[in-house]
Amino acid sequence: MPAEPPPRPPLTEEQRRRLAEVFGDVLPATTADERDDRDAVAERSADEDLLADRPPHHDRDR
């Protein structure tokens, strides 16, 4: 059996900051099933839904 590698030294604050800058949060603090996003959708009116779904060329002048 191969010998186990030596333990890594703890990361410095600068290394942690750089890793967070490059990779961001790997895992979110909460999962999608823990969040209640339905309230935000329920507050939108039907007109807002239609305007949000309009095609990109809708507002162009001819």
N, C-alpha and C. Protein backbone atom coordinates (compact mmCIF):
# COMPACT_ATOMS: atom_id res chain seq x y z
N MET A 1 0.84 -1.19 0.00
CA MET A 1 0.00 0.00 0.00
C MET A 1 0.88 1.25 0.00
N PRO A 2 0.50 2.23 -0.80
CA PRO A 2 1.28 3.47 -0.81
C PRO A 2 1.07 4.25 0.48
N ALA A 3 2.08 4.98 0.85
CA ALA A 3 1.98 5.81 2.06
C ALA A 3 1.06 7.00 1.80
N GLU A 4 0.37 7.44 2.82
CA GLU A 4 -0.52 8.59 2.69
C GLU A 4 0.31 9.86 2.54
N PRO A 5 -0.13 10.79 1.70
CA PRO A 5 0.62 12.04 1.55
C PRO A 5 0.53 12.85 2.85
N PRO A 6 1.51 13.71 3.09
CA PRO A 6 1.46 14.52 4.32
C PRO A 6 0.28 15.49 4.27
N PRO A 7 -0.28 15.85 5.40
CA PRO A 7 -1.42 16.78 5.40
C PRO A 7 -1.01 18.15 4.87
N ARG A 8 -1.95 18.77 4.19
CA ARG A 8 -1.69 20.11 3.64
C ARG A 8 -1.74 21.15 4.74
N PRO A 9 -0.90 22.17 4.64
CA PRO A 9 -0.99 23.25 5.63
C PRO A 9 -2.28 24.04 5.41
N PRO A 10 -2.82 24.68 6.43
CA PRO A 10 -4.06 25.46 6.26
C PRO A 10 -3.83 26.62 5.30
N LEU A 11 -4.90 27.00 4.59
CA LEU A 11 -4.81 28.10 3.63
C LEU A 11 -4.70 29.44 4.35
N THR A 12 -3.94 30.33 3.75
CA THR A 12 -3.85 31.68 4.29
C THR A 12 -5.10 32.46 3.87
N GLU A 13 -5.30 33.58 4.50
CA GLU A 13 -6.46 34.43 4.15
C GLU A 13 -6.38 34.88 2.69
N GLU A 14 -5.18 35.19 2.22
CA GLU A 14 -4.99 35.60 0.82
C GLU A 14 -5.35 34.46 -0.12
N GLN A 15 -4.96 33.25 0.20
CA GLN A 15 -5.30 32.10 -0.64
C GLN A 15 -6.81 31.87 -0.65
N ARG A 16 -7.44 31.99 0.49
CA ARG A 16 -8.90 31.84 0.56
C ARG A 16 -9.60 32.90 -0.27
N ARG A 17 -9.13 34.14 -0.17
CA ARG A 17 -9.73 35.24 -0.93
C ARG A 17 -9.58 34.99 -2.42
N ARG A 18 -8.40 34.55 -2.84
CA ARG A 18 -8.15 34.30 -4.27
C ARG A 18 -9.01 33.15 -4.78
N LEU A 19 -9.12 32.09 -4.01
CA LEU A 19 -9.98 30.97 -4.41
C LEU A 19 -11.43 31.41 -4.53
N ALA A 20 -11.90 32.21 -3.60
CA ALA A 20 -13.28 32.70 -3.65
C ALA A 20 -13.48 33.62 -4.85
N GLU A 21 -12.47 34.41 -5.18
CA GLU A 21 -12.56 35.31 -6.33
C GLU A 21 -12.64 34.54 -7.64
N VAL A 22 -11.87 33.47 -7.73
CA VAL A 22 -11.82 32.69 -8.96
C VAL A 22 -13.02 31.76 -9.10
N PHE A 23 -13.35 31.05 -8.03
CA PHE A 23 -14.38 30.01 -8.13
C PHE A 23 -15.73 30.42 -7.58
N GLY A 24 -15.80 31.47 -6.78
CA GLY A 24 -17.06 31.87 -6.18
C GLY A 24 -17.53 30.84 -5.18
N ASP A 25 -18.82 30.85 -4.88
CA ASP A 25 -19.38 29.87 -3.96
C ASP A 25 -19.61 28.57 -4.71
N VAL A 26 -19.00 27.52 -4.25
CA VAL A 26 -19.17 26.24 -4.89
C VAL A 26 -20.57 25.70 -4.62
N LEU A 27 -21.00 25.80 -3.38
CA LEU A 27 -22.33 25.35 -3.01
C LEU A 27 -23.12 26.51 -2.43
N PRO A 28 -24.36 26.68 -2.84
CA PRO A 28 -25.16 27.76 -2.26
C PRO A 28 -25.48 27.48 -0.80
N ALA A 29 -25.80 28.52 -0.07
CA ALA A 29 -26.14 28.38 1.35
C ALA A 29 -27.43 27.59 1.53
N THR A 30 -28.37 27.74 0.58
CA THR A 30 -29.63 26.99 0.63
C THR A 30 -29.88 26.34 -0.72
N THR A 31 -30.65 25.29 -0.72
CA THR A 31 -31.00 24.63 -1.97
C THR A 31 -32.29 25.23 -2.52
N ALA A 32 -32.57 24.93 -3.77
CA ALA A 32 -33.75 25.51 -4.42
C ALA A 32 -35.04 25.12 -3.71
N ASP A 33 -35.11 23.91 -3.17
CA ASP A 33 -36.34 23.51 -2.50
C ASP A 33 -36.50 24.17 -1.13
N GLU A 34 -35.43 24.77 -0.59
CA GLU A 34 -35.54 25.48 0.67
C GLU A 34 -35.98 26.93 0.48
N ARG A 35 -35.79 27.45 -0.73
CA ARG A 35 -36.17 28.83 -1.02
C ARG A 35 -37.61 28.89 -1.50
N ASP A 36 -38.27 29.96 -1.17
CA ASP A 36 -39.65 30.13 -1.61
C ASP A 36 -39.70 31.27 -2.62
N ASP A 37 -39.41 30.94 -3.89
CA ASP A 37 -39.40 31.94 -4.95
C ASP A 37 -40.79 32.20 -5.51
N ARG A 38 -41.78 31.47 -5.05
CA ARG A 38 -43.13 31.64 -5.59
C ARG A 38 -43.71 33.00 -5.25
N ASP A 39 -43.32 33.59 -4.12
CA ASP A 39 -43.86 34.89 -3.73
C ASP A 39 -43.47 35.97 -4.72
N ALA A 40 -42.26 35.94 -5.22
CA ALA A 40 -41.80 36.95 -6.17
C ALA A 40 -42.60 36.86 -7.47
N VAL A 41 -42.90 35.65 -7.91
CA VAL A 41 -43.66 35.48 -9.14
C VAL A 41 -45.11 35.89 -8.93
N ALA A 42 -45.67 35.60 -7.79
CA ALA A 42 -47.07 35.93 -7.52
C ALA A 42 -47.30 37.44 -7.46
N GLU A 43 -46.28 38.21 -7.11
CA GLU A 43 -46.44 39.66 -6.99
C GLU A 43 -46.46 40.35 -8.35
N ARG A 44 -45.99 39.68 -9.40
CA ARG A 44 -45.98 40.30 -10.72
C ARG A 44 -47.39 40.28 -11.32
N SER A 45 -47.73 41.32 -12.02
CA SER A 45 -49.04 41.37 -12.66
C SER A 45 -48.97 40.65 -14.01
N ALA A 46 -50.13 40.42 -14.60
CA ALA A 46 -50.19 39.77 -15.90
C ALA A 46 -49.50 40.63 -16.96
N ASP A 47 -49.64 41.95 -16.86
CA ASP A 47 -48.98 42.85 -17.82
C ASP A 47 -47.46 42.73 -17.71
N GLU A 48 -46.95 42.65 -16.50
CA GLU A 48 -45.50 42.52 -16.31
C GLU A 48 -45.00 41.20 -16.91
N ASP A 49 -45.79 40.15 -16.79
CA ASP A 49 -45.42 38.86 -17.37
C ASP A 49 -45.35 38.96 -18.90
N LEU A 50 -46.35 39.62 -19.49
CA LEU A 50 -46.36 39.77 -20.95
C LEU A 50 -45.18 40.62 -21.42
N LEU A 51 -44.90 41.71 -20.72
CA LEU A 51 -43.80 42.58 -21.11
C LEU A 51 -42.45 41.87 -20.95
N ALA A 52 -42.33 41.04 -19.96
CA ALA A 52 -41.08 40.31 -19.74
C ALA A 52 -40.85 39.27 -20.84
N ASP A 53 -41.92 38.76 -21.45
CA ASP A 53 -41.80 37.72 -22.47
C ASP A 53 -41.82 38.25 -23.90
N ARG A 54 -41.78 39.56 -24.09
CA ARG A 54 -41.84 40.09 -25.45
C ARG A 54 -40.52 39.82 -26.18
N PRO A 55 -40.56 39.66 -27.49
CA PRO A 55 -39.34 39.37 -28.25
C PRO A 55 -38.42 40.59 -28.28
N PRO A 56 -37.12 40.38 -28.48
CA PRO A 56 -36.18 41.48 -28.43
C PRO A 56 -36.41 42.55 -29.50
N HIS A 57 -36.97 42.18 -30.65
CA HIS A 57 -37.19 43.15 -31.72
C HIS A 57 -38.46 43.98 -31.51
N HIS A 58 -39.22 43.72 -30.47
CA HIS A 58 -40.50 44.38 -30.24
C HIS A 58 -40.37 45.90 -30.10
N ASP A 59 -39.33 46.37 -29.43
CA ASP A 59 -39.20 47.79 -29.14
C ASP A 59 -38.40 48.56 -30.19
N ARG A 60 -37.98 47.91 -31.26
CA ARG A 60 -37.17 48.59 -32.27
C ARG A 60 -38.05 49.46 -33.16
N ASP A 61 -37.51 50.62 -33.51
CA ASP A 61 -38.21 51.49 -34.47
C ASP A 61 -37.93 51.00 -35.87
N ARG A 62 -38.89 51.21 -36.74
CA ARG A 62 -38.70 50.79 -38.15
C ARG A 62 -38.19 51.91 -38.98
